[in-house]
Amino acid sequence: MKVSTRTRYGLRAMLELALVQGKGPFYAVECLEDKSYCDRYADCVAREVWTRVQDAIKDVLGSVTLADMAESVKSGKKQTITYQI
């Protein structure tokens, strides 16, 4: 079976979210959780970007529920999608 890179990243993100669900905050990269992870923490431009990405992920995941998604399908606003692996 051939899986695209985009699909692999999506699956990895879903798995990581499932594993950490209920275990505290989600960190997009290790340095956001542990400042000692990287020596360049204080001067890292990429960390600033990852901080914004993490905040956006929290906002989106915090504002959508499975019930919201199910209601969109039931009301006909969205179609169900069949995923095949």
N, C-alpha and C. Protein backbone atom coordinates (compact mmCIF):
# COMPACT_ATOMS: atom_id res chain seq x y z
N MET A 1 0.84 -1.16 0.00
CA MET A 1 0.00 0.00 0.00
C MET A 1 0.89 1.24 0.00
N LYS A 2 0.55 2.19 -0.82
CA LYS A 2 1.32 3.41 -0.94
C LYS A 2 0.56 4.55 -0.27
N VAL A 3 1.21 5.25 0.64
CA VAL A 3 0.58 6.35 1.35
C VAL A 3 1.41 7.61 1.07
N SER A 4 0.73 8.69 0.72
CA SER A 4 1.43 9.93 0.40
C SER A 4 2.06 10.53 1.66
N THR A 5 3.00 11.42 1.45
CA THR A 5 3.66 12.10 2.56
C THR A 5 2.65 12.91 3.35
N ARG A 6 1.75 13.59 2.67
CA ARG A 6 0.73 14.38 3.35
C ARG A 6 -0.13 13.49 4.25
N THR A 7 -0.49 12.33 3.74
CA THR A 7 -1.30 11.40 4.52
C THR A 7 -0.52 10.89 5.73
N ARG A 8 0.76 10.59 5.54
CA ARG A 8 1.59 10.13 6.66
C ARG A 8 1.64 11.18 7.76
N TYR A 9 1.86 12.44 7.38
CA TYR A 9 1.90 13.50 8.38
C TYR A 9 0.56 13.64 9.10
N GLY A 10 -0.52 13.55 8.36
CA GLY A 10 -1.85 13.63 8.96
C GLY A 10 -2.09 12.50 9.94
N LEU A 11 -1.71 11.28 9.54
CA LEU A 11 -1.89 10.13 10.42
C LEU A 11 -1.03 10.25 11.67
N ARG A 12 0.19 10.74 11.50
CA ARG A 12 1.07 10.91 12.66
C ARG A 12 0.48 11.94 13.62
N ALA A 13 -0.06 13.04 13.08
CA ALA A 13 -0.66 14.06 13.94
C ALA A 13 -1.87 13.51 14.68
N MET A 14 -2.72 12.75 13.96
CA MET A 14 -3.91 12.18 14.60
C MET A 14 -3.51 11.19 15.69
N LEU A 15 -2.51 10.38 15.43
CA LEU A 15 -2.05 9.42 16.42
C LEU A 15 -1.49 10.13 17.65
N GLU A 16 -0.68 11.15 17.42
CA GLU A 16 -0.10 11.91 18.53
C GLU A 16 -1.19 12.57 19.37
N LEU A 17 -2.18 13.15 18.71
CA LEU A 17 -3.29 13.78 19.44
C LEU A 17 -4.06 12.75 20.25
N ALA A 18 -4.27 11.58 19.67
CA ALA A 18 -5.00 10.52 20.38
C ALA A 18 -4.20 10.03 21.59
N LEU A 19 -2.90 9.92 21.44
CA LEU A 19 -2.07 9.42 22.54
C LEU A 19 -1.99 10.41 23.69
N VAL A 20 -1.98 11.69 23.40
CA VAL A 20 -1.83 12.68 24.47
C VAL A 20 -3.16 13.21 24.96
N GLN A 21 -4.26 12.78 24.36
CA GLN A 21 -5.58 13.26 24.76
C GLN A 21 -5.79 13.00 26.23
N GLY A 22 -6.12 14.02 26.95
CA GLY A 22 -6.38 13.89 28.38
C GLY A 22 -5.13 13.84 29.24
N LYS A 23 -3.96 13.95 28.63
CA LYS A 23 -2.71 13.88 29.39
C LYS A 23 -2.03 15.24 29.50
N GLY A 24 -2.77 16.30 29.29
CA GLY A 24 -2.17 17.63 29.38
C GLY A 24 -2.09 18.28 28.02
N PRO A 25 -1.35 19.38 27.93
CA PRO A 25 -1.31 20.14 26.69
C PRO A 25 -0.58 19.42 25.57
N PHE A 26 -0.93 19.79 24.36
CA PHE A 26 -0.29 19.26 23.16
C PHE A 26 0.80 20.23 22.74
N TYR A 27 1.99 19.74 22.45
CA TYR A 27 3.09 20.58 21.99
C TYR A 27 3.46 20.16 20.58
N ALA A 28 3.48 21.14 19.67
CA ALA A 28 3.79 20.87 18.27
C ALA A 28 5.24 20.42 18.10
N VAL A 29 6.14 20.97 18.88
CA VAL A 29 7.55 20.58 18.85
C VAL A 29 8.06 20.51 20.29
N GLU A 30 9.11 19.77 20.49
CA GLU A 30 9.62 19.50 21.83
C GLU A 30 10.07 20.74 22.58
N CYS A 31 10.65 21.72 21.87
CA CYS A 31 11.20 22.89 22.55
C CYS A 31 10.12 23.76 23.19
N LEU A 32 8.87 23.63 22.75
CA LEU A 32 7.80 24.40 23.38
C LEU A 32 7.44 23.84 24.75
N GLU A 33 7.70 22.57 24.93
CA GLU A 33 7.42 21.92 26.21
C GLU A 33 8.59 22.05 27.17
N ASP A 34 9.79 21.91 26.63
CA ASP A 34 11.00 21.87 27.46
C ASP A 34 12.05 22.81 26.89
N LYS A 35 12.27 23.93 27.57
CA LYS A 35 13.23 24.94 27.08
C LYS A 35 14.64 24.38 26.98
N SER A 36 14.97 23.41 27.80
CA SER A 36 16.33 22.86 27.78
C SER A 36 16.54 21.88 26.62
N TYR A 37 15.49 21.61 25.85
CA TYR A 37 15.60 20.67 24.73
C TYR A 37 16.58 21.17 23.67
N CYS A 38 16.67 22.50 23.51
CA CYS A 38 17.51 23.07 22.46
C CYS A 38 18.32 24.23 23.01
N ASP A 39 19.59 24.28 22.66
CA ASP A 39 20.47 25.36 23.12
C ASP A 39 20.11 26.71 22.52
N ARG A 40 19.42 26.71 21.39
CA ARG A 40 19.09 27.96 20.70
C ARG A 40 17.69 28.47 21.05
N TYR A 41 17.12 28.00 22.11
CA TYR A 41 15.75 28.30 22.48
C TYR A 41 15.46 29.81 22.48
N ALA A 42 16.30 30.58 23.12
CA ALA A 42 16.05 32.01 23.29
C ALA A 42 16.12 32.79 21.98
N ASP A 43 16.91 32.34 21.03
CA ASP A 43 17.13 33.08 19.78
C ASP A 43 16.50 32.43 18.57
N CYS A 44 15.68 31.43 18.75
CA CYS A 44 15.17 30.64 17.62
C CYS A 44 13.94 31.29 16.97
N VAL A 45 14.08 31.64 15.70
CA VAL A 45 12.97 32.22 14.96
C VAL A 45 11.91 31.16 14.69
N ALA A 46 12.32 29.93 14.42
CA ALA A 46 11.37 28.85 14.14
C ALA A 46 10.47 28.59 15.34
N ARG A 47 10.99 28.73 16.54
CA ARG A 47 10.19 28.51 17.76
C ARG A 47 9.03 29.50 17.82
N GLU A 48 9.27 30.73 17.39
CA GLU A 48 8.20 31.73 17.37
C GLU A 48 7.08 31.28 16.42
N VAL A 49 7.46 30.74 15.28
CA VAL A 49 6.48 30.25 14.31
C VAL A 49 5.73 29.06 14.90
N TRP A 50 6.45 28.12 15.51
CA TRP A 50 5.81 26.94 16.10
C TRP A 50 4.88 27.33 17.25
N THR A 51 5.22 28.38 17.97
CA THR A 51 4.33 28.84 19.04
C THR A 51 3.01 29.32 18.45
N ARG A 52 3.07 30.05 17.34
CA ARG A 52 1.85 30.52 16.69
C ARG A 52 1.05 29.34 16.12
N VAL A 53 1.76 28.36 15.56
CA VAL A 53 1.08 27.17 15.03
C VAL A 53 0.37 26.43 16.16
N GLN A 54 1.05 26.26 17.27
CA GLN A 54 0.45 25.57 18.41
C GLN A 54 -0.78 26.30 18.92
N ASP A 55 -0.70 27.62 19.00
CA ASP A 55 -1.85 28.40 19.45
C ASP A 55 -3.03 28.25 18.49
N ALA A 56 -2.75 28.23 17.19
CA ALA A 56 -3.82 28.06 16.20
C ALA A 56 -4.45 26.68 16.31
N ILE A 57 -3.63 25.66 16.51
CA ILE A 57 -4.15 24.29 16.67
C ILE A 57 -5.07 24.22 17.89
N LYS A 58 -4.63 24.80 19.00
CA LYS A 58 -5.45 24.81 20.22
C LYS A 58 -6.78 25.50 19.98
N ASP A 59 -6.73 26.64 19.27
CA ASP A 59 -7.97 27.39 19.01
C ASP A 59 -8.94 26.56 18.18
N VAL A 60 -8.45 25.92 17.13
CA VAL A 60 -9.32 25.15 16.25
C VAL A 60 -9.86 23.92 16.98
N LEU A 61 -8.98 23.15 17.61
CA LEU A 61 -9.43 21.94 18.28
C LEU A 61 -10.33 22.25 19.47
N GLY A 62 -10.14 23.40 20.08
CA GLY A 62 -10.97 23.78 21.20
C GLY A 62 -12.35 24.29 20.79
N SER A 63 -12.50 24.62 19.52
CA SER A 63 -13.77 25.19 19.08
C SER A 63 -14.65 24.23 18.30
N VAL A 64 -14.15 23.04 17.99
CA VAL A 64 -14.91 22.08 17.19
C VAL A 64 -15.07 20.79 17.99
N THR A 65 -16.28 20.27 17.98
CA THR A 65 -16.53 18.99 18.64
C THR A 65 -16.99 17.97 17.62
N LEU A 66 -16.94 16.71 17.99
CA LEU A 66 -17.47 15.68 17.11
C LEU A 66 -18.96 15.89 16.88
N ALA A 67 -19.65 16.40 17.89
CA ALA A 67 -21.07 16.68 17.74
C ALA A 67 -21.30 17.75 16.67
N ASP A 68 -20.45 18.76 16.64
CA ASP A 68 -20.54 19.79 15.59
C ASP A 68 -20.37 19.18 14.21
N MET A 69 -19.39 18.31 14.08
CA MET A 69 -19.12 17.67 12.79
C MET A 69 -20.29 16.78 12.38
N ALA A 70 -20.82 16.02 13.33
CA ALA A 70 -21.95 15.14 13.03
C ALA A 70 -23.16 15.96 12.62
N GLU A 71 -23.40 17.07 13.28
CA GLU A 71 -24.53 17.93 12.95
C GLU A 71 -24.39 18.51 11.54
N SER A 72 -23.18 18.85 11.13
CA SER A 72 -22.96 19.35 9.78
C SER A 72 -23.32 18.31 8.73
N VAL A 73 -23.00 17.05 9.03
CA VAL A 73 -23.33 15.97 8.10
C VAL A 73 -24.84 15.73 8.09
N LYS A 74 -25.44 15.69 9.27
CA LYS A 74 -26.89 15.42 9.37
C LYS A 74 -27.71 16.51 8.69
N SER A 75 -27.27 17.74 8.80
CA SER A 75 -28.04 18.84 8.24
C SER A 75 -27.82 19.00 6.73
N GLY A 76 -26.90 18.22 6.18
CA GLY A 76 -26.65 18.27 4.75
C GLY A 76 -25.66 19.34 4.34
N LYS A 77 -25.09 20.06 5.30
CA LYS A 77 -24.09 21.09 4.99
C LYS A 77 -22.80 20.48 4.45
N LYS A 78 -22.46 19.33 4.96
CA LYS A 78 -21.21 18.65 4.57
C LYS A 78 -21.52 17.21 4.23
N GLN A 79 -20.68 16.64 3.41
CA GLN A 79 -20.82 15.23 3.06
C GLN A 79 -19.89 14.42 3.93
N THR A 80 -20.29 13.18 4.16
CA THR A 80 -19.37 12.28 4.85
C THR A 80 -18.28 11.91 3.86
N ILE A 81 -17.13 11.64 4.37
CA ILE A 81 -16.00 11.27 3.53
C ILE A 81 -15.59 9.87 3.89
N THR A 82 -15.40 9.05 2.90
CA THR A 82 -14.94 7.69 3.10
C THR A 82 -13.44 7.66 2.87
N TYR A 83 -12.72 7.27 3.90
CA TYR A 83 -11.27 7.16 3.80
C TYR A 83 -10.90 5.72 3.57
N GLN A 84 -9.98 5.50 2.67
CA GLN A 84 -9.52 4.15 2.42
C GLN A 84 -8.01 4.12 2.57
N ILE A 85 -7.54 3.14 3.30
CA ILE A 85 -6.11 3.00 3.48
C ILE A 85 -5.69 1.66 2.93
